[in-house]
C-alpha cells in the first residue's frame, strides 16, 4: 500500500478535526485520483453519518426531520460502502500480481474493511476525548470516560498493527484477498420488496 497504517490514522484524525470546524463535509485536500483522497473522503462520510445518528436520537425530533435524517443516514451508509469497495479495489490491484505461497491463507476481512473500522474508531476517540474534557460533568463521568478512552487508544494501536501486518502478508504472498461486494438491497428499488411492490401497484 502506498500509505502506511500510521499515515491512514493521521488522515482520519485530520478529517475528524476538519469536519468539526464546519460540521459538514469538508473540501478534500488531496488529489482526486489518490488513495489519500479516498481515505479522507471515507472519514468525512463517517463524520457526517455520526452527526446524523446523534440527531435522529433526539426524543422529540419532529417527524419530518426524523424521516429526512433517516434517509440521509441511508444515503451516507451507501456512500460509505461504495468508498470502502473502491479502497478494496485499489489494494487488490496493488497486490494481485504477487505470487501466492503454496500455503497462503485467505483473510476473512479485507484491508478496506479494517480501515473502515479504524475510521469509526477515530470518531469514537474524538468524541470520548470531548467527554473527558466536559466542565459540566461529574468526576465519576469523567473518570468513566477516561477509562473508555484508554481502551479506545489501545484499540487504535492494535488495529494499526493489524493493518500493517495484513499489508505485509499481502506483499509477501502469505495471505491473499478477494474483493466481495456488500450487496446492499434496501436502497435498490429492484431488490427491496417495499419499493418494487409499491411501484407495481
C-alpha atoms as a PDB file:
ATOM      1  CA  UNK A   1       0.000   0.000   0.000  1.00  0.00           C
ATOM      2  CA  UNK A   2       1.295   3.435  -0.841  1.00  0.00           C
ATOM      3  CA  UNK A   3       0.367   4.776   2.604  1.00  0.00           C
ATOM      4  CA  UNK A   4       1.451   3.355   5.927  1.00  0.00           C
ATOM      5  CA  UNK A   5      -1.082   2.426   8.602  1.00  0.00           C
ATOM      6  CA  UNK A   6       0.147   5.426  10.600  1.00  0.00           C
ATOM      7  CA  UNK A   7      -0.444   7.705   7.585  1.00  0.00           C
ATOM      8  CA  UNK A   8      -4.017   6.479   7.349  1.00  0.00           C
ATOM      9  CA  UNK A   9      -4.666   7.167  11.036  1.00  0.00           C
ATOM     10  CA  UNK A  10      -3.275  10.687  10.605  1.00  0.00           C
ATOM     11  CA  UNK A  11      -5.570  11.368   7.632  1.00  0.00           C
ATOM     12  CA  UNK A  12      -8.539  10.191   9.703  1.00  0.00           C
ATOM     13  CA  UNK A  13      -7.530  12.422  12.606  1.00  0.00           C
ATOM     14  CA  UNK A  14      -7.228  15.444  10.317  1.00  0.00           C
ATOM     15  CA  UNK A  15     -10.566  14.651   8.705  1.00  0.00           C
ATOM     16  CA  UNK A  16     -12.394  14.441  12.033  1.00  0.00           C
ATOM     17  CA  UNK A  17     -10.990  17.815  13.120  1.00  0.00           C
ATOM     18  CA  UNK A  18     -11.798  19.339   9.718  1.00  0.00           C
ATOM     19  CA  UNK A  19     -15.373  18.093   9.814  1.00  0.00           C
ATOM     20  CA  UNK A  20     -15.984  19.594  13.250  1.00  0.00           C
ATOM     21  CA  UNK A  21     -14.782  23.019  12.123  1.00  0.00           C
ATOM     22  CA  UNK A  22     -17.867  23.377   9.925  1.00  0.00           C
ATOM     23  CA  UNK A  23     -19.993  20.404  10.966  1.00  0.00           C
ATOM     24  CA  UNK A  24     -20.343  19.495   7.324  1.00  0.00           C
ATOM     25  CA  UNK A  25     -18.343  17.546   4.771  1.00  0.00           C
ATOM     26  CA  UNK A  26     -15.095  19.410   4.213  1.00  0.00           C
ATOM     27  CA  UNK A  27     -13.353  20.062   0.900  1.00  0.00           C
ATOM     28  CA  UNK A  28     -10.919  17.216   0.279  1.00  0.00           C
ATOM     29  CA  UNK A  29      -7.297  18.450   0.417  1.00  0.00           C
ATOM     30  CA  UNK A  30      -5.896  15.521  -1.582  1.00  0.00           C
ATOM     31  CA  UNK A  31      -5.705  14.892  -5.353  1.00  0.00           C
ATOM     32  CA  UNK A  32      -8.890  13.202  -6.513  1.00  0.00           C
ATOM     33  CA  UNK A  33      -7.024  10.288  -8.096  1.00  0.00           C
ATOM     34  CA  UNK A  34      -5.064   9.471  -4.921  1.00  0.00           C
ATOM     35  CA  UNK A  35      -5.748   6.855  -2.253  1.00  0.00           C
ATOM     36  CA  UNK A  36      -5.396   9.635   0.332  1.00  0.00           C
ATOM     37  CA  UNK A  37      -8.440  11.281  -1.245  1.00  0.00           C
ATOM     38  CA  UNK A  38     -10.484   8.112  -0.782  1.00  0.00           C
ATOM     39  CA  UNK A  39      -9.366   7.685   2.817  1.00  0.00           C
ATOM     40  CA  UNK A  40     -10.161  11.292   3.727  1.00  0.00           C
ATOM     41  CA  UNK A  41     -13.497  11.084   1.896  1.00  0.00           C
ATOM     42  CA  UNK A  42     -14.334   7.865   3.753  1.00  0.00           C
ATOM     43  CA  UNK A  43     -13.919   9.548   7.126  1.00  0.00           C
ATOM     44  CA  UNK A  44     -15.840  12.652   6.059  1.00  0.00           C
ATOM     45  CA  UNK A  45     -18.791  10.400   5.240  1.00  0.00           C
ATOM     46  CA  UNK A  46     -18.426   8.688   8.629  1.00  0.00           C
ATOM     47  CA  UNK A  47     -18.248  12.040  10.430  1.00  0.00           C
ATOM     48  CA  UNK A  48     -21.419  13.238   8.725  1.00  0.00           C
ATOM     49  CA  UNK A  49     -23.206   9.978   9.467  1.00  0.00           C
ATOM     50  CA  UNK A  50     -22.112  10.087  13.127  1.00  0.00           C
ATOM     51  CA  UNK A  51     -23.755  13.503  13.413  1.00  0.00           C
ATOM     52  CA  UNK A  52     -26.945  12.279  11.763  1.00  0.00           C
ATOM     53  CA  UNK A  53     -27.059   9.283  14.128  1.00  0.00           C
ATOM     54  CA  UNK A  54     -26.882  11.706  17.077  1.00  0.00           C
ATOM     55  CA  UNK A  55     -29.671  13.862  15.667  1.00  0.00           C
ATOM     56  CA  UNK A  56     -32.071  11.007  14.972  1.00  0.00           C
ATOM     57  CA  UNK A  57     -31.947  10.024  18.664  1.00  0.00           C
ATOM     58  CA  UNK A  58     -33.374  13.339  19.875  1.00  0.00           C
ATOM     59  CA  UNK A  59     -36.520  12.166  21.767  1.00  0.00           C
ATOM     60  CA  UNK A  60     -38.896  14.867  20.499  1.00  0.00           C
ATOM     61  CA  UNK A  61     -37.493  15.168  16.991  1.00  0.00           C
ATOM     62  CA  UNK A  62     -40.126  16.367  14.535  1.00  0.00           C
ATOM     63  CA  UNK A  63     -41.473  13.603  12.287  1.00  0.00           C
ATOM     64  CA  UNK A  64     -40.444  15.323   9.048  1.00  0.00           C
ATOM     65  CA  UNK A  65     -36.913  15.878  10.316  1.00  0.00           C
ATOM     66  CA  UNK A  66     -36.739  12.294  11.581  1.00  0.00           C
ATOM     67  CA  UNK A  67     -37.655  10.929   8.157  1.00  0.00           C
ATOM     68  CA  UNK A  68     -35.242  13.251   6.356  1.00  0.00           C
ATOM     69  CA  UNK A  69     -32.435  12.333   8.753  1.00  0.00           C
ATOM     70  CA  UNK A  70     -33.067   8.598   8.368  1.00  0.00           C
ATOM     71  CA  UNK A  71     -32.958   8.911   4.587  1.00  0.00           C
ATOM     72  CA  UNK A  72     -29.715  10.887   4.833  1.00  0.00           C
ATOM     73  CA  UNK A  73     -28.242   8.124   7.016  1.00  0.00           C
ATOM     74  CA  UNK A  74     -29.206   5.505   4.427  1.00  0.00           C
ATOM     75  CA  UNK A  75     -27.627   7.566   1.653  1.00  0.00           C
ATOM     76  CA  UNK A  76     -24.424   8.116   3.642  1.00  0.00           C
ATOM     77  CA  UNK A  77     -24.212   4.440   4.527  1.00  0.00           C
ATOM     78  CA  UNK A  78     -24.392   3.529   0.848  1.00  0.00           C
ATOM     79  CA  UNK A  79     -21.662   6.079   0.095  1.00  0.00           C
ATOM     80  CA  UNK A  80     -19.571   4.584   2.897  1.00  0.00           C
ATOM     81  CA  UNK A  81     -19.898   1.077   1.444  1.00  0.00           C
ATOM     82  CA  UNK A  82     -19.127   2.299  -2.080  1.00  0.00           C
ATOM     83  CA  UNK A  83     -15.973   4.049  -0.840  1.00  0.00           C
ATOM     84  CA  UNK A  84     -14.773   1.017   1.096  1.00  0.00           C
ATOM     85  CA  UNK A  85     -15.209  -1.111  -2.015  1.00  0.00           C
ATOM     86  CA  UNK A  86     -13.187   1.391  -4.067  1.00  0.00           C
ATOM     87  CA  UNK A  87     -10.417   1.147  -1.476  1.00  0.00           C
ATOM     88  CA  UNK A  88     -10.506  -2.641  -1.683  1.00  0.00           C
ATOM     89  CA  UNK A  89     -10.293  -2.456  -5.482  1.00  0.00           C
ATOM     90  CA  UNK A  90      -7.205  -0.278  -5.085  1.00  0.00           C
ATOM     91  CA  UNK A  91      -5.500  -2.660  -2.664  1.00  0.00           C
ATOM     92  CA  UNK A  92      -6.455  -5.707  -4.723  1.00  0.00           C
ATOM     93  CA  UNK A  93      -4.898  -4.250  -7.881  1.00  0.00           C
ATOM     94  CA  UNK A  94      -1.813  -3.313  -5.905  1.00  0.00           C
ATOM     95  CA  UNK A  95      -1.099  -6.892  -4.841  1.00  0.00           C
ATOM     96  CA  UNK A  96      -2.920  -9.013  -7.431  1.00  0.00           C
ATOM     97  CA  UNK A  97       0.358  -9.788  -9.233  1.00  0.00           C
ATOM     98  CA  UNK A  98       2.109 -11.006  -6.078  1.00  0.00           C
ATOM     99  CA  UNK A  99       2.815 -14.721  -6.318  1.00  0.00           C
ATOM    100  CA  UNK A 100       0.997 -16.553  -3.543  1.00  0.00           C
ATOM    101  CA  UNK A 101       2.962 -19.007  -1.453  1.00  0.00           C
ATOM    102  CA  UNK A 102       1.662 -22.613  -1.583  1.00  0.00           C
ATOM    103  CA  UNK A 103       0.224 -22.330   1.919  1.00  0.00           C
ATOM    104  CA  UNK A 104      -1.145 -18.783   1.521  1.00  0.00           C
ATOM    105  CA  UNK A 105      -4.309 -18.195   3.506  1.00  0.00           C
ATOM    106  CA  UNK A 106      -7.370 -16.155   2.652  1.00  0.00           C
ATOM    107  CA  UNK A 107      -8.042 -13.358   5.108  1.00  0.00           C
ATOM    108  CA  UNK A 108     -11.721 -13.092   6.056  1.00  0.00           C
ATOM    109  CA  UNK A 109     -11.501  -9.316   6.496  1.00  0.00           C
ATOM    110  CA  UNK A 110     -10.210  -7.196   3.636  1.00  0.00           C
ATOM    111  CA  UNK A 111      -7.826  -4.269   4.250  1.00  0.00           C
ATOM    112  CA  UNK A 112     -10.502  -1.699   3.404  1.00  0.00           C
ATOM    113  CA  UNK A 113     -12.993  -3.092   5.904  1.00  0.00           C
ATOM    114  CA  UNK A 114     -10.291  -2.965   8.564  1.00  0.00           C
ATOM    115  CA  UNK A 115      -9.644   0.640   7.505  1.00  0.00           C
ATOM    116  CA  UNK A 116     -13.393   1.242   7.853  1.00  0.00           C
ATOM    117  CA  UNK A 117     -13.223   0.122  11.495  1.00  0.00           C
ATOM    118  CA  UNK A 118     -10.223   2.377  12.062  1.00  0.00           C
ATOM    119  CA  UNK A 119     -12.130   5.356  10.656  1.00  0.00           C
ATOM    120  CA  UNK A 120     -15.057   4.823  13.036  1.00  0.00           C
ATOM    121  CA  UNK A 121     -12.601   4.318  15.866  1.00  0.00           C
ATOM    122  CA  UNK A 122     -11.097   7.780  15.323  1.00  0.00           C
ATOM    123  CA  UNK A 123     -14.558   9.283  15.704  1.00  0.00           C
ATOM    124  CA  UNK A 124     -15.061   7.349  18.940  1.00  0.00           C
ATOM    125  CA  UNK A 125     -11.723   8.613  20.242  1.00  0.00           C
ATOM    126  CA  UNK A 126     -12.512  12.215  19.300  1.00  0.00           C
ATOM    127  CA  UNK A 127     -15.906  12.205  20.970  1.00  0.00           C
ATOM    128  CA  UNK A 128     -14.770  10.282  24.053  1.00  0.00           C
ATOM    129  CA  UNK A 129     -11.934  12.779  24.472  1.00  0.00           C
ATOM    130  CA  UNK A 130     -14.569  15.517  24.410  1.00  0.00           C
ATOM    131  CA  UNK A 131     -16.410  13.787  27.230  1.00  0.00           C
ATOM    132  CA  UNK A 132     -13.300  13.716  29.403  1.00  0.00           C
ATOM    133  CA  UNK A 133     -12.976  17.488  28.994  1.00  0.00           C
ATOM    134  CA  UNK A 134     -16.537  18.459  29.917  1.00  0.00           C
ATOM    135  CA  UNK A 135     -16.728  21.011  32.719  1.00  0.00           C
ATOM    136  CA  UNK A 136     -20.417  20.317  33.378  1.00  0.00           C
ATOM    137  CA  UNK A 137     -19.975  16.589  34.070  1.00  0.00           C
ATOM    138  CA  UNK A 138     -19.301  14.794  37.331  1.00  0.00           C
ATOM    139  CA  UNK A 139     -15.897  13.459  38.320  1.00  0.00           C
ATOM    140  CA  UNK A 140     -17.353   9.965  38.054  1.00  0.00           C
ATOM    141  CA  UNK A 141     -18.460  10.622  34.459  1.00  0.00           C
ATOM    142  CA  UNK A 142     -15.023  11.992  33.555  1.00  0.00           C
ATOM    143  CA  UNK A 143     -13.215   9.023  35.111  1.00  0.00           C
ATOM    144  CA  UNK A 144     -15.522   6.552  33.389  1.00  0.00           C
ATOM    145  CA  UNK A 145     -14.967   8.218  30.019  1.00  0.00           C
ATOM    146  CA  UNK A 146     -11.207   8.345  30.581  1.00  0.00           C
ATOM    147  CA  UNK A 147     -11.199   4.589  31.166  1.00  0.00           C
ATOM    148  CA  UNK A 148     -13.110   4.099  27.915  1.00  0.00           C
ATOM    149  CA  UNK A 149     -10.755   6.458  26.096  1.00  0.00           C
ATOM    150  CA  UNK A 150      -7.742   4.461  27.291  1.00  0.00           C
ATOM    151  CA  UNK A 151      -9.295   1.310  25.813  1.00  0.00           C
ATOM    152  CA  UNK A 152     -10.057   3.070  22.512  1.00  0.00           C
ATOM    153  CA  UNK A 153      -6.466   4.313  22.289  1.00  0.00           C
ATOM    154  CA  UNK A 154      -5.216   0.788  22.890  1.00  0.00           C
ATOM    155  CA  UNK A 155      -7.541  -0.429  20.167  1.00  0.00           C
ATOM    156  CA  UNK A 156      -6.120   2.199  17.785  1.00  0.00           C
ATOM    157  CA  UNK A 157      -2.642   0.813  18.417  1.00  0.00           C
ATOM    158  CA  UNK A 158      -3.828  -2.777  17.939  1.00  0.00           C
ATOM    159  CA  UNK A 159      -5.752  -2.121  14.715  1.00  0.00           C
ATOM    160  CA  UNK A 160      -2.866  -0.093  13.298  1.00  0.00           C
ATOM    161  CA  UNK A 161      -0.574  -3.049  13.921  1.00  0.00           C
ATOM    162  CA  UNK A 162      -3.117  -5.450  12.411  1.00  0.00           C
ATOM    163  CA  UNK A 163      -3.295  -3.376   9.222  1.00  0.00           C
ATOM    164  CA  UNK A 164       0.497  -3.213   8.981  1.00  0.00           C
ATOM    165  CA  UNK A 165       0.729  -6.997   9.308  1.00  0.00           C
ATOM    166  CA  UNK A 166      -2.087  -7.586   6.824  1.00  0.00           C
ATOM    167  CA  UNK A 167      -0.333  -5.454   4.201  1.00  0.00           C
ATOM    168  CA  UNK A 168       2.994  -7.175   4.908  1.00  0.00           C
ATOM    169  CA  UNK A 169       1.338 -10.569   4.440  1.00  0.00           C
ATOM    170  CA  UNK A 170      -0.231  -9.487   1.139  1.00  0.00           C
ATOM    171  CA  UNK A 171       3.128  -8.156  -0.052  1.00  0.00           C
ATOM    172  CA  UNK A 172       4.830 -11.417   0.906  1.00  0.00           C
ATOM    173  CA  UNK A 173       2.129 -13.623  -0.631  1.00  0.00           C
ATOM    174  CA  UNK A 174       1.484 -15.437   2.642  1.00  0.00           C
ATOM    175  CA  UNK A 175      -2.087 -14.145   2.575  1.00  0.00           C
ATOM    176  CA  UNK A 176      -4.365 -13.170  -0.265  1.00  0.00           C
ATOM    177  CA  UNK A 177      -7.637 -11.302  -0.547  1.00  0.00           C
ATOM    178  CA  UNK A 178     -10.818 -11.480  -2.541  1.00  0.00           C
ATOM    179  CA  UNK A 179     -12.967  -8.451  -3.286  1.00  0.00           C
ATOM    180  CA  UNK A 180     -16.547  -9.046  -2.243  1.00  0.00           C
ATOM    181  CA  UNK A 181     -19.465  -6.676  -2.516  1.00  0.00           C
ATOM    182  CA  UNK A 182     -21.865  -5.883   0.306  1.00  0.00           C
ATOM    183  CA  UNK A 183     -24.872  -6.410  -1.979  1.00  0.00           C
ATOM    184  CA  UNK A 184     -26.951  -3.843  -0.091  1.00  0.00           C
ATOM    185  CA  UNK A 185     -30.573  -4.431  -1.024  1.00  0.00           C
ATOM    186  CA  UNK A 186     -32.621  -1.850   0.866  1.00  0.00           C
ATOM    187  CA  UNK A 187     -31.563   1.072  -1.347  1.00  0.00           C
ATOM    188  CA  UNK A 188     -32.232  -0.791  -4.596  1.00  0.00           C
ATOM    189  CA  UNK A 189     -35.733  -0.277  -5.965  1.00  0.00           C
ATOM    190  CA  UNK A 190     -35.435  -3.622  -7.799  1.00  0.00           C
ATOM    191  CA  UNK A 191     -34.428  -5.617  -4.701  1.00  0.00           C
ATOM    192  CA  UNK A 192     -36.348  -4.022  -1.813  1.00  0.00           C
ATOM    193  CA  UNK A 193     -39.888  -5.521  -1.760  1.00  0.00           C
ATOM    194  CA  UNK A 194     -41.270  -2.399  -0.083  1.00  0.00           C
ATOM    195  CA  UNK A 195     -40.109  -0.387  -3.087  1.00  0.00           C
ATOM    196  CA  UNK A 196     -40.792  -2.633  -6.069  1.00  0.00           C
ATOM    197  CA  UNK A 197     -44.188  -3.796  -4.752  1.00  0.00           C
ATOM    198  CA  UNK A 198     -45.154  -0.160  -4.269  1.00  0.00           C
ATOM    199  CA  UNK A 199     -44.168   0.723  -7.842  1.00  0.00           C
ATOM    200  CA  UNK A 200     -46.183  -2.236  -9.197  1.00  0.00           C
ATOM    201  CA  UNK A 201     -49.440  -1.027  -7.650  1.00  0.00           C
END
